[in-house]
């Protein structure tokens, strides 16, 4: 059987180990509680990955077409958010 490929935010949970500064971990527990700790971390990582995908796209566009105004960058972010919210999925990180 072939290996299943999941997009960001999809698939079964995978147990991973990570290290955080104690102050950061304490702040997360204080904000969301012990039971929601993993969900909070997952959401933060997903936001970061999505931001990096968008940044990669914008950098590639600028290499090909030239500088993009701040206004155009913000509009691009809005379009990305709308398109991927409609499809309810983001591409896999490459």
C-alpha atoms as a PDB file:
ATOM      1  CA  UNK A   1       0.000   0.000   0.000  1.00  0.00           C
ATOM      2  CA  UNK A   2       1.097   3.573  -0.679  1.00  0.00           C
ATOM      3  CA  UNK A   3       1.865   6.006   2.086  1.00  0.00           C
ATOM      4  CA  UNK A   4      -0.921   8.515   2.773  1.00  0.00           C
ATOM      5  CA  UNK A   5       0.049  12.169   2.460  1.00  0.00           C
ATOM      6  CA  UNK A   6      -1.658  14.668   4.750  1.00  0.00           C
ATOM      7  CA  UNK A   7      -1.880  18.441   4.421  1.00  0.00           C
ATOM      8  CA  UNK A   8      -1.123  20.802   7.275  1.00  0.00           C
ATOM      9  CA  UNK A   9      -3.655  20.242  10.057  1.00  0.00           C
ATOM     10  CA  UNK A  10      -4.829  16.862   8.730  1.00  0.00           C
ATOM     11  CA  UNK A  11      -4.284  13.252   9.712  1.00  0.00           C
ATOM     12  CA  UNK A  12      -4.205  11.328  12.940  1.00  0.00           C
ATOM     13  CA  UNK A  13      -2.287  12.710  15.883  1.00  0.00           C
ATOM     14  CA  UNK A  14       1.379  11.763  16.020  1.00  0.00           C
ATOM     15  CA  UNK A  15       3.178  11.723  19.347  1.00  0.00           C
ATOM     16  CA  UNK A  16       6.287  13.893  19.231  1.00  0.00           C
ATOM     17  CA  UNK A  17       8.625  15.220  21.845  1.00  0.00           C
ATOM     18  CA  UNK A  18       9.595  18.869  21.983  1.00  0.00           C
ATOM     19  CA  UNK A  19      11.474  21.072  24.372  1.00  0.00           C
ATOM     20  CA  UNK A  20      10.290  24.523  25.387  1.00  0.00           C
ATOM     21  CA  UNK A  21      11.664  27.003  27.852  1.00  0.00           C
ATOM     22  CA  UNK A  22       9.873  26.429  31.163  1.00  0.00           C
ATOM     23  CA  UNK A  23       8.523  29.976  31.164  1.00  0.00           C
ATOM     24  CA  UNK A  24       6.934  29.428  27.756  1.00  0.00           C
ATOM     25  CA  UNK A  25       5.417  26.102  28.808  1.00  0.00           C
ATOM     26  CA  UNK A  26       4.064  27.653  32.006  1.00  0.00           C
ATOM     27  CA  UNK A  27       2.540  30.568  30.075  1.00  0.00           C
ATOM     28  CA  UNK A  28       0.798  28.144  27.694  1.00  0.00           C
ATOM     29  CA  UNK A  29      -0.572  26.031  30.584  1.00  0.00           C
ATOM     30  CA  UNK A  30      -1.765  29.184  32.325  1.00  0.00           C
ATOM     31  CA  UNK A  31      -3.505  30.421  29.191  1.00  0.00           C
ATOM     32  CA  UNK A  32      -5.153  27.207  27.957  1.00  0.00           C
ATOM     33  CA  UNK A  33      -4.801  24.639  30.720  1.00  0.00           C
ATOM     34  CA  UNK A  34      -2.997  21.323  30.721  1.00  0.00           C
ATOM     35  CA  UNK A  35      -5.611  19.500  28.617  1.00  0.00           C
ATOM     36  CA  UNK A  36      -5.423  21.945  25.693  1.00  0.00           C
ATOM     37  CA  UNK A  37      -1.629  22.271  25.664  1.00  0.00           C
ATOM     38  CA  UNK A  38      -1.081  20.040  22.618  1.00  0.00           C
ATOM     39  CA  UNK A  39      -3.903  21.661  20.643  1.00  0.00           C
ATOM     40  CA  UNK A  40      -2.414  25.080  21.343  1.00  0.00           C
ATOM     41  CA  UNK A  41       1.031  23.990  20.144  1.00  0.00           C
ATOM     42  CA  UNK A  42      -0.444  22.323  17.036  1.00  0.00           C
ATOM     43  CA  UNK A  43      -2.395  25.470  16.109  1.00  0.00           C
ATOM     44  CA  UNK A  44       0.686  27.661  16.600  1.00  0.00           C
ATOM     45  CA  UNK A  45       2.856  25.381  14.446  1.00  0.00           C
ATOM     46  CA  UNK A  46       0.184  25.239  11.719  1.00  0.00           C
ATOM     47  CA  UNK A  47      -0.018  29.059  11.639  1.00  0.00           C
ATOM     48  CA  UNK A  48       3.761  29.256  11.343  1.00  0.00           C
ATOM     49  CA  UNK A  49       3.879  26.719   8.504  1.00  0.00           C
ATOM     50  CA  UNK A  50       1.099  28.495   6.616  1.00  0.00           C
ATOM     51  CA  UNK A  51       2.925  31.789   7.035  1.00  0.00           C
ATOM     52  CA  UNK A  52       6.117  30.254   5.691  1.00  0.00           C
ATOM     53  CA  UNK A  53       4.296  28.848   2.648  1.00  0.00           C
ATOM     54  CA  UNK A  54       2.898  32.304   1.912  1.00  0.00           C
ATOM     55  CA  UNK A  55       6.306  33.934   2.455  1.00  0.00           C
ATOM     56  CA  UNK A  56       7.872  31.396   0.067  1.00  0.00           C
ATOM     57  CA  UNK A  57       5.249  32.224  -2.553  1.00  0.00           C
ATOM     58  CA  UNK A  58       5.779  35.975  -2.181  1.00  0.00           C
ATOM     59  CA  UNK A  59       9.580  35.602  -2.372  1.00  0.00           C
ATOM     60  CA  UNK A  60       9.265  33.473  -5.508  1.00  0.00           C
ATOM     61  CA  UNK A  61       6.900  35.999  -7.073  1.00  0.00           C
ATOM     62  CA  UNK A  62       9.299  38.857  -6.306  1.00  0.00           C
ATOM     63  CA  UNK A  63      12.193  36.929  -7.880  1.00  0.00           C
ATOM     64  CA  UNK A  64      10.172  36.446 -11.036  1.00  0.00           C
ATOM     65  CA  UNK A  65       8.262  39.748 -11.286  1.00  0.00           C
ATOM     66  CA  UNK A  66       9.977  42.295  -9.030  1.00  0.00           C
ATOM     67  CA  UNK A  67       9.082  43.992  -5.749  1.00  0.00           C
ATOM     68  CA  UNK A  68       5.578  43.704  -4.312  1.00  0.00           C
ATOM     69  CA  UNK A  69       4.026  46.639  -2.467  1.00  0.00           C
ATOM     70  CA  UNK A  70       2.983  46.218   1.164  1.00  0.00           C
ATOM     71  CA  UNK A  71      -0.647  46.679   0.086  1.00  0.00           C
ATOM     72  CA  UNK A  72      -0.330  43.903  -2.522  1.00  0.00           C
ATOM     73  CA  UNK A  73       1.294  41.597   0.035  1.00  0.00           C
ATOM     74  CA  UNK A  74      -1.602  42.135   2.451  1.00  0.00           C
ATOM     75  CA  UNK A  75      -4.137  41.501  -0.314  1.00  0.00           C
ATOM     76  CA  UNK A  76      -2.261  38.299  -1.204  1.00  0.00           C
ATOM     77  CA  UNK A  77      -2.519  37.144   2.422  1.00  0.00           C
ATOM     78  CA  UNK A  78      -6.271  37.806   2.371  1.00  0.00           C
ATOM     79  CA  UNK A  79      -6.683  35.874  -0.884  1.00  0.00           C
ATOM     80  CA  UNK A  80      -4.654  32.920   0.444  1.00  0.00           C
ATOM     81  CA  UNK A  81      -6.785  32.881   3.599  1.00  0.00           C
ATOM     82  CA  UNK A  82     -10.042  33.010   1.611  1.00  0.00           C
ATOM     83  CA  UNK A  83      -9.059  30.339  -0.917  1.00  0.00           C
ATOM     84  CA  UNK A  84      -7.726  27.869   1.604  1.00  0.00           C
ATOM     85  CA  UNK A  85     -10.574  28.521   4.055  1.00  0.00           C
ATOM     86  CA  UNK A  86     -13.061  27.684   1.275  1.00  0.00           C
ATOM     87  CA  UNK A  87     -11.217  24.483   0.443  1.00  0.00           C
ATOM     88  CA  UNK A  88     -10.716  23.829   4.168  1.00  0.00           C
ATOM     89  CA  UNK A  89      -7.132  22.746   3.556  1.00  0.00           C
ATOM     90  CA  UNK A  90      -3.686  24.132   3.019  1.00  0.00           C
ATOM     91  CA  UNK A  91      -1.052  22.589   0.788  1.00  0.00           C
ATOM     92  CA  UNK A  92       1.632  20.403   2.253  1.00  0.00           C
ATOM     93  CA  UNK A  93       4.817  22.188   3.208  1.00  0.00           C
ATOM     94  CA  UNK A  94       7.583  21.628   0.704  1.00  0.00           C
END
